[in-house]
């Protein structure tokens, strides 16, 4: 199973429609689940899992980020690598100094 996580810092967003994002990502055939952080921390994680490759899911996430600059600024996206989370890929966010990986 392959996993991709879209982590969103809600303090950086004026409006967040998690249900719309889940519905959009479900169109890729992945199983998608939204999980809110604890009440004292304003974030949500959107977990996507697929038995197939994650590239279609990542491409859909990229479109969401391109279409919504506020979401892009508030999000960090990572996914499992060949050895699960031990060699995860950082695909988006985490600051300007952090190098991003490429999912092909």
PDB file of N, CA and C in Angstrom:
ATOM      1  N   UNK A   1       0.841  -1.172   0.000  1.00  0.00           N
ATOM      2  CA  UNK A   1       0.000   0.000   0.000  1.00  0.00           C
ATOM      3  C   UNK A   1       0.892   1.243   0.000  1.00  0.00           C
ATOM      4  N   UNK A   2       0.508   2.228  -0.779  1.00  0.00           N
ATOM      5  CA  UNK A   2       1.233   3.494  -0.865  1.00  0.00           C
ATOM      6  C   UNK A   2       0.405   4.584  -0.195  1.00  0.00           C
ATOM      7  N   UNK A   3       1.087   5.540   0.450  1.00  0.00           N
ATOM      8  CA  UNK A   3       0.392   6.574   1.202  1.00  0.00           C
ATOM      9  C   UNK A   3       0.911   7.956   0.838  1.00  0.00           C
ATOM     10  N   UNK A   4      -0.016   8.911   0.778  1.00  0.00           N
ATOM     11  CA  UNK A   4       0.312  10.313   0.585  1.00  0.00           C
ATOM     12  C   UNK A   4      -0.476  11.093   1.632  1.00  0.00           C
ATOM     13  N   UNK A   5       0.194  12.064   2.269  1.00  0.00           N
ATOM     14  CA  UNK A   5      -0.458  12.878   3.290  1.00  0.00           C
ATOM     15  C   UNK A   5      -0.363  14.343   2.899  1.00  0.00           C
ATOM     16  N   UNK A   6      -1.511  15.008   2.944  1.00  0.00           N
ATOM     17  CA  UNK A   6      -1.609  16.449   2.754  1.00  0.00           C
ATOM     18  C   UNK A   6      -1.896  17.031   4.128  1.00  0.00           C
ATOM     19  N   UNK A   7      -0.905  17.722   4.703  1.00  0.00           N
ATOM     20  CA  UNK A   7      -1.027  18.325   6.035  1.00  0.00           C
ATOM     21  C   UNK A   7      -1.320  19.808   5.834  1.00  0.00           C
ATOM     22  N   UNK A   8      -2.397  20.310   6.446  1.00  0.00           N
ATOM     23  CA  UNK A   8      -2.801  21.703   6.249  1.00  0.00           C
ATOM     24  C   UNK A   8      -2.847  22.422   7.597  1.00  0.00           C
ATOM     25  N   UNK A   9      -2.105  23.522   7.696  1.00  0.00           N
ATOM     26  CA  UNK A   9      -2.108  24.378   8.876  1.00  0.00           C
ATOM     27  C   UNK A   9      -3.282  25.338   8.746  1.00  0.00           C
ATOM     28  N   UNK A  10      -4.341  25.098   9.501  1.00  0.00           N
ATOM     29  CA  UNK A  10      -5.570  25.878   9.373  1.00  0.00           C
ATOM     30  C   UNK A  10      -5.413  27.327   9.836  1.00  0.00           C
ATOM     31  N   UNK A  11      -4.399  27.611  10.652  1.00  0.00           N
ATOM     32  CA  UNK A  11      -4.175  28.985  11.090  1.00  0.00           C
ATOM     33  C   UNK A  11      -3.740  29.873   9.924  1.00  0.00           C
ATOM     34  N   UNK A  12      -3.266  29.271   8.854  1.00  0.00           N
ATOM     35  CA  UNK A  12      -2.823  30.031   7.683  1.00  0.00           C
ATOM     36  C   UNK A  12      -3.916  30.182   6.635  1.00  0.00           C
ATOM     37  N   UNK A  13      -5.101  29.636   6.893  1.00  0.00           N
ATOM     38  CA  UNK A  13      -6.176  29.678   5.900  1.00  0.00           C
ATOM     39  C   UNK A  13      -7.413  30.342   6.469  1.00  0.00           C
ATOM     40  N   UNK A  14      -8.021  31.221   5.679  1.00  0.00           N
ATOM     41  CA  UNK A  14      -9.263  31.864   6.081  1.00  0.00           C
ATOM     42  C   UNK A  14     -10.448  30.917   5.902  1.00  0.00           C
ATOM     43  N   UNK A  15     -10.434  30.138   4.805  1.00  0.00           N
ATOM     44  CA  UNK A  15     -11.518  29.200   4.523  1.00  0.00           C
ATOM     45  C   UNK A  15     -10.917  27.870   4.062  1.00  0.00           C
ATOM     46  N   UNK A  16     -11.374  26.784   4.640  1.00  0.00           N
ATOM     47  CA  UNK A  16     -10.880  25.457   4.271  1.00  0.00           C
ATOM     48  C   UNK A  16     -12.069  24.530   4.090  1.00  0.00           C
ATOM     49  N   UNK A  17     -12.185  23.939   2.911  1.00  0.00           N
ATOM     50  CA  UNK A  17     -13.270  23.001   2.618  1.00  0.00           C
ATOM     51  C   UNK A  17     -12.675  21.607   2.433  1.00  0.00           C
ATOM     52  N   UNK A  18     -12.469  20.928   3.548  1.00  0.00           N
ATOM     53  CA  UNK A  18     -11.864  19.606   3.517  1.00  0.00           C
ATOM     54  C   UNK A  18     -12.686  18.587   2.764  1.00  0.00           C
ATOM     55  N   UNK A  19     -14.006  18.683   2.859  1.00  0.00           N
ATOM     56  CA  UNK A  19     -14.871  17.731   2.158  1.00  0.00           C
ATOM     57  C   UNK A  19     -14.702  17.838   0.647  1.00  0.00           C
ATOM     58  N   UNK A  20     -14.546  19.051   0.137  1.00  0.00           N
ATOM     59  CA  UNK A  20     -14.341  19.237  -1.305  1.00  0.00           C
ATOM     60  C   UNK A  20     -13.001  18.650  -1.745  1.00  0.00           C
ATOM     61  N   UNK A  21     -11.973  18.810  -0.918  1.00  0.00           N
ATOM     62  CA  UNK A  21     -10.661  18.247  -1.252  1.00  0.00           C
ATOM     63  C   UNK A  21     -10.725  16.724  -1.235  1.00  0.00           C
ATOM     64  N   UNK A  22     -11.375  16.160  -0.229  1.00  0.00           N
ATOM     65  CA  UNK A  22     -11.528  14.700  -0.158  1.00  0.00           C
ATOM     66  C   UNK A  22     -12.247  14.188  -1.399  1.00  0.00           C
ATOM     67  N   UNK A  23     -13.342  14.838  -1.772  1.00  0.00           N
ATOM     68  CA  UNK A  23     -14.110  14.405  -2.950  1.00  0.00           C
ATOM     69  C   UNK A  23     -13.258  14.474  -4.214  1.00  0.00           C
ATOM     70  N   UNK A  24     -12.463  15.522  -4.332  1.00  0.00           N
ATOM     71  CA  UNK A  24     -11.588  15.673  -5.507  1.00  0.00           C
ATOM     72  C   UNK A  24     -10.556  14.544  -5.561  1.00  0.00           C
ATOM     73  N   UNK A  25      -9.941  14.239  -4.429  1.00  0.00           N
ATOM     74  CA  UNK A  25      -8.897  13.215  -4.405  1.00  0.00           C
ATOM     75  C   UNK A  25      -9.465  11.806  -4.553  1.00  0.00           C
ATOM     76  N   UNK A  26     -10.692  11.589  -4.129  1.00  0.00           N
ATOM     77  CA  UNK A  26     -11.319  10.273  -4.294  1.00  0.00           C
ATOM     78  C   UNK A  26     -11.514   9.938  -5.773  1.00  0.00           C
ATOM     79  N   UNK A  27     -11.562  10.942  -6.623  1.00  0.00           N
ATOM     80  CA  UNK A  27     -11.718  10.706  -8.058  1.00  0.00           C
ATOM     81  C   UNK A  27     -10.505   9.994  -8.657  1.00  0.00           C
ATOM     82  N   UNK A  28      -9.392   9.959  -7.941  1.00  0.00           N
ATOM     83  CA  UNK A  28      -8.200   9.259  -8.428  1.00  0.00           C
ATOM     84  C   UNK A  28      -8.274   7.759  -8.164  1.00  0.00           C
ATOM     85  N   UNK A  29      -9.282   7.319  -7.406  1.00  0.00           N
ATOM     86  CA  UNK A  29      -9.394   5.911  -7.051  1.00  0.00           C
ATOM     87  C   UNK A  29      -8.727   5.580  -5.725  1.00  0.00           C
ATOM     88  N   UNK A  30      -8.083   6.560  -5.111  1.00  0.00           N
ATOM     89  CA  UNK A  30      -7.444   6.339  -3.810  1.00  0.00           C
ATOM     90  C   UNK A  30      -8.496   6.366  -2.713  1.00  0.00           C
ATOM     91  N   UNK A  31      -8.189   5.690  -1.612  1.00  0.00           N
ATOM     92  CA  UNK A  31      -9.011   5.815  -0.417  1.00  0.00           C
ATOM     93  C   UNK A  31      -8.539   7.076   0.298  1.00  0.00           C
ATOM     94  N   UNK A  32      -9.468   7.942   0.688  1.00  0.00           N
ATOM     95  CA  UNK A  32      -9.104   9.237   1.254  1.00  0.00           C
ATOM     96  C   UNK A  32      -9.828   9.422   2.583  1.00  0.00           C
ATOM     97  N   UNK A  33      -9.083   9.900   3.578  1.00  0.00           N
ATOM     98  CA  UNK A  33      -9.642  10.117   4.912  1.00  0.00           C
ATOM     99  C   UNK A  33      -9.123  11.429   5.468  1.00  0.00           C
ATOM    100  N   UNK A  34     -10.000  12.238   6.006  1.00  0.00           N
ATOM    101  CA  UNK A  34      -9.628  13.497   6.640  1.00  0.00           C
ATOM    102  C   UNK A  34      -9.615  13.308   8.143  1.00  0.00           C
ATOM    103  N   UNK A  35      -8.528  13.721   8.780  1.00  0.00           N
ATOM    104  CA  UNK A  35      -8.405  13.590  10.225  1.00  0.00           C
ATOM    105  C   UNK A  35      -7.977  14.932  10.806  1.00  0.00           C
ATOM    106  N   UNK A  36      -8.779  15.480  11.710  1.00  0.00           N
ATOM    107  CA  UNK A  36      -8.452  16.750  12.358  1.00  0.00           C
ATOM    108  C   UNK A  36      -7.463  16.521  13.489  1.00  0.00           C
ATOM    109  N   UNK A  37      -6.598  17.501  13.696  1.00  0.00           N
ATOM    110  CA  UNK A  37      -5.671  17.441  14.814  1.00  0.00           C
ATOM    111  C   UNK A  37      -6.404  17.710  16.122  1.00  0.00           C
ATOM    112  N   UNK A  38      -5.694  17.648  17.232  1.00  0.00           N
ATOM    113  CA  UNK A  38      -6.325  17.916  18.528  1.00  0.00           C
ATOM    114  C   UNK A  38      -6.812  19.366  18.598  1.00  0.00           C
ATOM    115  N   UNK A  39      -7.796  19.653  19.451  1.00  0.00           N
ATOM    116  CA  UNK A  39      -8.391  20.991  19.510  1.00  0.00           C
ATOM    117  C   UNK A  39      -7.389  22.123  19.726  1.00  0.00           C
ATOM    118  N   UNK A  40      -6.325  21.878  20.453  1.00  0.00           N
ATOM    119  CA  UNK A  40      -5.342  22.932  20.726  1.00  0.00           C
ATOM    120  C   UNK A  40      -4.390  23.182  19.548  1.00  0.00           C
ATOM    121  N   UNK A  41      -4.481  22.355  18.513  1.00  0.00           N
ATOM    122  CA  UNK A  41      -3.639  22.505  17.327  1.00  0.00           C
ATOM    123  C   UNK A  41      -4.544  22.583  16.101  1.00  0.00           C
ATOM    124  N   UNK A  42      -4.445  23.676  15.364  1.00  0.00           N
ATOM    125  CA  UNK A  42      -5.348  23.914  14.232  1.00  0.00           C
ATOM    126  C   UNK A  42      -4.747  23.354  12.942  1.00  0.00           C
ATOM    127  N   UNK A  43      -4.927  22.057  12.739  1.00  0.00           N
ATOM    128  CA  UNK A  43      -4.477  21.444  11.494  1.00  0.00           C
ATOM    129  C   UNK A  43      -5.363  20.259  11.145  1.00  0.00           C
ATOM    130  N   UNK A  44      -5.291  19.863   9.893  1.00  0.00           N
ATOM    131  CA  UNK A  44      -5.916  18.627   9.450  1.00  0.00           C
ATOM    132  C   UNK A  44      -4.910  17.868   8.593  1.00  0.00           C
ATOM    133  N   UNK A  45      -5.046  16.576   8.579  1.00  0.00           N
ATOM    134  CA  UNK A  45      -4.283  15.710   7.690  1.00  0.00           C
ATOM    135  C   UNK A  45      -5.263  14.998   6.786  1.00  0.00           C
ATOM    136  N   UNK A  46      -4.975  14.988   5.506  1.00  0.00           N
ATOM    137  CA  UNK A  46      -5.772  14.229   4.557  1.00  0.00           C
ATOM    138  C   UNK A  46      -4.895  13.074   4.089  1.00  0.00           C
ATOM    139  N   UNK A  47      -5.285  11.867   4.459  1.00  0.00           N
ATOM    140  CA  UNK A  47      -4.529  10.662   4.139  1.00  0.00           C
ATOM    141  C   UNK A  47      -5.096  10.024   2.878  1.00  0.00           C
ATOM    142  N   UNK A  48      -4.234   9.719   1.933  1.00  0.00           N
ATOM    143  CA  UNK A  48      -4.626   9.017   0.711  1.00  0.00           C
ATOM    144  C   UNK A  48      -3.859   7.709   0.671  1.00  0.00           C
ATOM    145  N   UNK A  49      -4.551   6.623   0.413  1.00  0.00           N
ATOM    146  CA  UNK A  49      -3.873   5.339   0.287  1.00  0.00           C
ATOM    147  C   UNK A  49      -4.322   4.670  -1.003  1.00  0.00           C
ATOM    148  N   UNK A  50      -3.376   3.984  -1.628  1.00  0.00           N
ATOM    149  CA  UNK A  50      -3.666   3.337  -2.903  1.00  0.00           C
ATOM    150  C   UNK A  50      -2.761   2.131  -3.074  1.00  0.00           C
ATOM    151  N   UNK A  51      -3.302   1.076  -3.651  1.00  0.00           N
ATOM    152  CA  UNK A  51      -2.489  -0.091  -3.979  1.00  0.00           C
ATOM    153  C   UNK A  51      -1.694   0.165  -5.250  1.00  0.00           C
ATOM    154  N   UNK A  52      -2.126   1.161  -6.018  1.00  0.00           N
ATOM    155  CA  UNK A  52      -1.433   1.533  -7.253  1.00  0.00           C
ATOM    156  C   UNK A  52      -0.449   2.651  -6.957  1.00  0.00           C
ATOM    157  N   UNK A  53       0.186   3.149  -7.989  1.00  0.00           N
ATOM    158  CA  UNK A  53       1.147   4.237  -7.803  1.00  0.00           C
ATOM    159  C   UNK A  53       0.438   5.517  -7.366  1.00  0.00           C
ATOM    160  N   UNK A  54       1.191   6.388  -6.707  1.00  0.00           N
ATOM    161  CA  UNK A  54       0.631   7.617  -6.164  1.00  0.00           C
ATOM    162  C   UNK A  54       0.691   8.798  -7.126  1.00  0.00           C
ATOM    163  N   UNK A  55       1.325   8.632  -8.271  1.00  0.00           N
ATOM    164  CA  UNK A  55       1.491   9.768  -9.182  1.00  0.00           C
ATOM    165  C   UNK A  55       0.161  10.431  -9.544  1.00  0.00           C
ATOM    166  N   UNK A  56      -0.906   9.695  -9.878  1.00  0.00           N
ATOM    167  CA  UNK A  56      -2.176  10.371 -10.181  1.00  0.00           C
ATOM    168  C   UNK A  56      -2.724  11.170  -8.991  1.00  0.00           C
ATOM    169  N   UNK A  57      -2.536  10.656  -7.791  1.00  0.00           N
ATOM    170  CA  UNK A  57      -2.986  11.374  -6.595  1.00  0.00           C
ATOM    171  C   UNK A  57      -2.162  12.654  -6.439  1.00  0.00           C
ATOM    172  N   UNK A  58      -0.860  12.549  -6.570  1.00  0.00           N
ATOM    173  CA  UNK A  58       0.011  13.710  -6.443  1.00  0.00           C
ATOM    174  C   UNK A  58      -0.305  14.755  -7.520  1.00  0.00           C
ATOM    175  N   UNK A  59      -0.572  14.324  -8.736  1.00  0.00           N
ATOM    176  CA  UNK A  59      -0.917  15.271  -9.799  1.00  0.00           C
ATOM    177  C   UNK A  59      -2.199  16.021  -9.457  1.00  0.00           C
ATOM    178  N   UNK A  60      -3.177  15.349  -8.865  1.00  0.00           N
ATOM    179  CA  UNK A  60      -4.422  16.006  -8.475  1.00  0.00           C
ATOM    180  C   UNK A  60      -4.159  16.986  -7.325  1.00  0.00           C
ATOM    181  N   UNK A  61      -3.306  16.590  -6.372  1.00  0.00           N
ATOM    182  CA  UNK A  61      -2.947  17.492  -5.274  1.00  0.00           C
ATOM    183  C   UNK A  61      -2.234  18.723  -5.832  1.00  0.00           C
ATOM    184  N   UNK A  62      -1.327  18.528  -6.776  1.00  0.00           N
ATOM    185  CA  UNK A  62      -0.624  19.669  -7.384  1.00  0.00           C
ATOM    186  C   UNK A  62      -1.614  20.645  -8.007  1.00  0.00           C
ATOM    187  N   UNK A  63      -2.644  20.136  -8.674  1.00  0.00           N
ATOM    188  CA  UNK A  63      -3.655  21.010  -9.274  1.00  0.00           C
ATOM    189  C   UNK A  63      -4.398  21.788  -8.191  1.00  0.00           C
ATOM    190  N   UNK A  64      -4.752  21.129  -7.102  1.00  0.00           N
ATOM    191  CA  UNK A  64      -5.418  21.811  -5.999  1.00  0.00           C
ATOM    192  C   UNK A  64      -4.533  22.928  -5.439  1.00  0.00           C
ATOM    193  N   UNK A  65      -3.247  22.655  -5.290  1.00  0.00           N
ATOM    194  CA  UNK A  65      -2.320  23.646  -4.755  1.00  0.00           C
ATOM    195  C   UNK A  65      -2.128  24.813  -5.717  1.00  0.00           C
ATOM    196  N   UNK A  66      -2.077  24.520  -6.999  1.00  0.00           N
ATOM    197  CA  UNK A  66      -1.941  25.568  -8.011  1.00  0.00           C
ATOM    198  C   UNK A  66      -3.184  26.450  -8.055  1.00  0.00           C
ATOM    199  N   UNK A  67      -4.354  25.833  -7.935  1.00  0.00           N
ATOM    200  CA  UNK A  67      -5.617  26.564  -8.014  1.00  0.00           C
ATOM    201  C   UNK A  67      -5.925  27.376  -6.754  1.00  0.00           C
ATOM    202  N   UNK A  68      -5.297  27.030  -5.640  1.00  0.00           N
ATOM    203  CA  UNK A  68      -5.587  27.697  -4.366  1.00  0.00           C
ATOM    204  C   UNK A  68      -4.286  28.100  -3.672  1.00  0.00           C
ATOM    205  N   UNK A  69      -3.794  29.319  -3.922  1.00  0.00           N
ATOM    206  CA  UNK A  69      -2.530  29.760  -3.318  1.00  0.00           C
ATOM    207  C   UNK A  69      -2.535  29.718  -1.787  1.00  0.00           C
ATOM    208  N   UNK A  70      -3.691  29.959  -1.165  1.00  0.00           N
ATOM    209  CA  UNK A  70      -3.752  29.892   0.298  1.00  0.00           C
ATOM    210  C   UNK A  70      -3.506  28.465   0.783  1.00  0.00           C
ATOM    211  N   UNK A  71      -4.087  27.497   0.088  1.00  0.00           N
ATOM    212  CA  UNK A  71      -3.853  26.096   0.427  1.00  0.00           C
ATOM    213  C   UNK A  71      -2.384  25.749   0.215  1.00  0.00           C
ATOM    214  N   UNK A  72      -1.822  26.209  -0.881  1.00  0.00           N
ATOM    215  CA  UNK A  72      -0.407  25.933  -1.177  1.00  0.00           C
ATOM    216  C   UNK A  72       0.509  26.475  -0.077  1.00  0.00           C
ATOM    217  N   UNK A  73       0.190  27.674   0.432  1.00  0.00           N
ATOM    218  CA  UNK A  73       1.015  28.280   1.475  1.00  0.00           C
ATOM    219  C   UNK A  73       0.875  27.565   2.820  1.00  0.00           C
ATOM    220  N   UNK A  74      -0.273  26.936   3.047  1.00  0.00           N
ATOM    221  CA  UNK A  74      -0.557  26.305   4.336  1.00  0.00           C
ATOM    222  C   UNK A  74      -0.261  24.804   4.364  1.00  0.00           C
ATOM    223  N   UNK A  75       0.144  24.232   3.239  1.00  0.00           N
ATOM    224  CA  UNK A  75       0.235  22.770   3.133  1.00  0.00           C
ATOM    225  C   UNK A  75       1.660  22.245   3.095  1.00  0.00           C
ATOM    226  N   UNK A  76       1.792  21.041   3.606  1.00  0.00           N
ATOM    227  CA  UNK A  76       2.987  20.214   3.447  1.00  0.00           C
ATOM    228  C   UNK A  76       2.485  18.882   2.906  1.00  0.00           C
ATOM    229  N   UNK A  77       3.141  18.366   1.868  1.00  0.00           N
ATOM    230  CA  UNK A  77       2.721  17.103   1.265  1.00  0.00           C
ATOM    231  C   UNK A  77       3.912  16.156   1.252  1.00  0.00           C
ATOM    232  N   UNK A  78       3.693  14.946   1.721  1.00  0.00           N
ATOM    233  CA  UNK A  78       4.729  13.916   1.648  1.00  0.00           C
ATOM    234  C   UNK A  78       4.068  12.578   1.335  1.00  0.00           C
ATOM    235  N   UNK A  79       4.877  11.640   0.881  1.00  0.00           N
ATOM    236  CA  UNK A  79       4.356  10.308   0.573  1.00  0.00           C
ATOM    237  C   UNK A  79       5.418   9.261   0.880  1.00  0.00           C
ATOM    238  N   UNK A  80       4.967   8.026   0.943  1.00  0.00           N
ATOM    239  CA  UNK A  80       5.881   6.929   1.217  1.00  0.00           C
ATOM    240  C   UNK A  80       6.801   6.692   0.028  1.00  0.00           C
ATOM    241  N   UNK A  81       8.008   6.223   0.334  1.00  0.00           N
ATOM    242  CA  UNK A  81       8.962   5.850  -0.700  1.00  0.00           C
ATOM    243  C   UNK A  81       8.988   4.343  -0.882  1.00  0.00           C
ATOM    244  N   UNK A  82      10.056   3.854  -1.453  1.00  0.00           N
ATOM    245  CA  UNK A  82      10.182   2.413  -1.698  1.00  0.00           C
ATOM    246  C   UNK A  82      10.176   1.599  -0.410  1.00  0.00           C
ATOM    247  N   UNK A  83      10.610   2.213   0.692  1.00  0.00           N
ATOM    248  CA  UNK A  83      10.675   1.525   1.983  1.00  0.00           C
ATOM    249  C   UNK A  83       9.714   2.153   2.982  1.00  0.00           C
ATOM    250  N   UNK A  84       8.541   2.516   2.493  1.00  0.00           N
ATOM    251  CA  UNK A  84       7.525   3.099   3.379  1.00  0.00           C
ATOM    252  C   UNK A  84       7.923   4.489   3.835  1.00  0.00           C
ATOM    253  N   UNK A  85       7.644   4.783   5.111  1.00  0.00           N
ATOM    254  CA  UNK A  85       7.958   6.109   5.650  1.00  0.00           C
ATOM    255  C   UNK A  85       9.441   6.259   5.970  1.00  0.00           C
ATOM    256  N   UNK A  86      10.218   5.163   5.928  1.00  0.00           N
ATOM    257  CA  UNK A  86      11.653   5.253   6.208  1.00  0.00           C
ATOM    258  C   UNK A  86      12.386   6.101   5.176  1.00  0.00           C
ATOM    259  N   UNK A  87      11.874   6.147   3.957  1.00  0.00           N
ATOM    260  CA  UNK A  87      12.509   6.963   2.911  1.00  0.00           C
ATOM    261  C   UNK A  87      11.452   7.804   2.193  1.00  0.00           C
ATOM    262  N   UNK A  88      10.646   8.488   3.004  1.00  0.00           N
ATOM    263  CA  UNK A  88       9.524   9.263   2.463  1.00  0.00           C
ATOM    264  C   UNK A  88      10.005  10.360   1.517  1.00  0.00           C
ATOM    265  N   UNK A  89       9.093  10.805   0.662  1.00  0.00           N
ATOM    266  CA  UNK A  89       9.347  11.913  -0.250  1.00  0.00           C
ATOM    267  C   UNK A  89       8.639  13.155   0.280  1.00  0.00           C
ATOM    268  N   UNK A  90       9.358  14.261   0.366  1.00  0.00           N
ATOM    269  CA  UNK A  90       8.767  15.549   0.681  1.00  0.00           C
ATOM    270  C   UNK A  90       8.454  16.203  -0.662  1.00  0.00           C
ATOM    271  N   UNK A  91       7.184  16.376  -0.962  1.00  0.00           N
ATOM    272  CA  UNK A  91       6.753  16.840  -2.284  1.00  0.00           C
ATOM    273  C   UNK A  91       6.408  18.325  -2.341  1.00  0.00           C
ATOM    274  N   UNK A  92       5.991  18.889  -1.201  1.00  0.00           N
ATOM    275  CA  UNK A  92       5.571  20.293  -1.192  1.00  0.00           C
ATOM    276  C   UNK A  92       5.671  20.863   0.207  1.00  0.00           C
ATOM    277  N   UNK A  93       6.093  22.115   0.317  1.00  0.00           N
ATOM    278  CA  UNK A  93       6.066  22.841   1.578  1.00  0.00           C
ATOM    279  C   UNK A  93       7.305  22.661   2.413  1.00  0.00           C
ATOM    280  N   UNK A  94       7.181  22.952   3.700  1.00  0.00           N
ATOM    281  CA  UNK A  94       8.231  22.807   4.705  1.00  0.00           C
ATOM    282  C   UNK A  94       9.312  23.871   4.623  1.00  0.00           C
ATOM    283  N   UNK A  95       9.059  24.971   3.947  1.00  0.00           N
ATOM    284  CA  UNK A  95      10.023  26.073   3.927  1.00  0.00           C
ATOM    285  C   UNK A  95      10.893  26.098   2.696  1.00  0.00           C
ATOM    286  N   UNK A  96      11.429  27.264   2.428  1.00  0.00           N
ATOM    287  CA  UNK A  96      12.226  27.477   1.220  1.00  0.00           C
ATOM    288  C   UNK A  96      13.550  26.735   1.243  1.00  0.00           C
ATOM    289  N   UNK A  97      14.114  26.503   2.437  1.00  0.00           N
ATOM    290  CA  UNK A  97      15.432  25.881   2.534  1.00  0.00           C
ATOM    291  C   UNK A  97      15.391  24.367   2.406  1.00  0.00           C
ATOM    292  N   UNK A  98      14.212  23.789   2.498  1.00  0.00           N
ATOM    293  CA  UNK A  98      14.062  22.336   2.458  1.00  0.00           C
ATOM    294  C   UNK A  98      13.956  21.860   1.012  1.00  0.00           C
ATOM    295  N   UNK A  99      14.869  21.011   0.552  1.00  0.00           N
ATOM    296  CA  UNK A  99      14.779  20.515  -0.833  1.00  0.00           C
ATOM    297  C   UNK A  99      13.581  19.581  -0.992  1.00  0.00           C
ATOM    298  N   UNK A 100      12.934  19.693  -2.126  1.00  0.00           N
ATOM    299  CA  UNK A 100      11.762  18.854  -2.400  1.00  0.00           C
ATOM    300  C   UNK A 100      12.141  17.666  -3.271  1.00  0.00           C
ATOM    301  N   UNK A 101      11.448  16.569  -3.062  1.00  0.00           N
ATOM    302  CA  UNK A 101      11.643  15.378  -3.871  1.00  0.00           C
ATOM    303  C   UNK A 101      10.724  15.420  -5.079  1.00  0.00           C
ATOM    304  N   UNK A 102      11.013  14.583  -6.059  1.00  0.00           N
ATOM    305  CA  UNK A 102      10.209  14.498  -7.273  1.00  0.00           C
ATOM    306  C   UNK A 102       9.612  13.100  -7.334  1.00  0.00           C
ATOM    307  N   UNK A 103       8.311  13.032  -7.520  1.00  0.00           N
ATOM    308  CA  UNK A 103       7.621  11.754  -7.660  1.00  0.00           C
ATOM    309  C   UNK A 103       7.377  11.531  -9.145  1.00  0.00           C
ATOM    310  N   UNK A 104       7.930  10.452  -9.664  1.00  0.00           N
ATOM    311  CA  UNK A 104       7.806  10.163 -11.096  1.00  0.00           C
ATOM    312  C   UNK A 104       7.051   8.865 -11.313  1.00  0.00           C
TER     313      UNK A 104
END
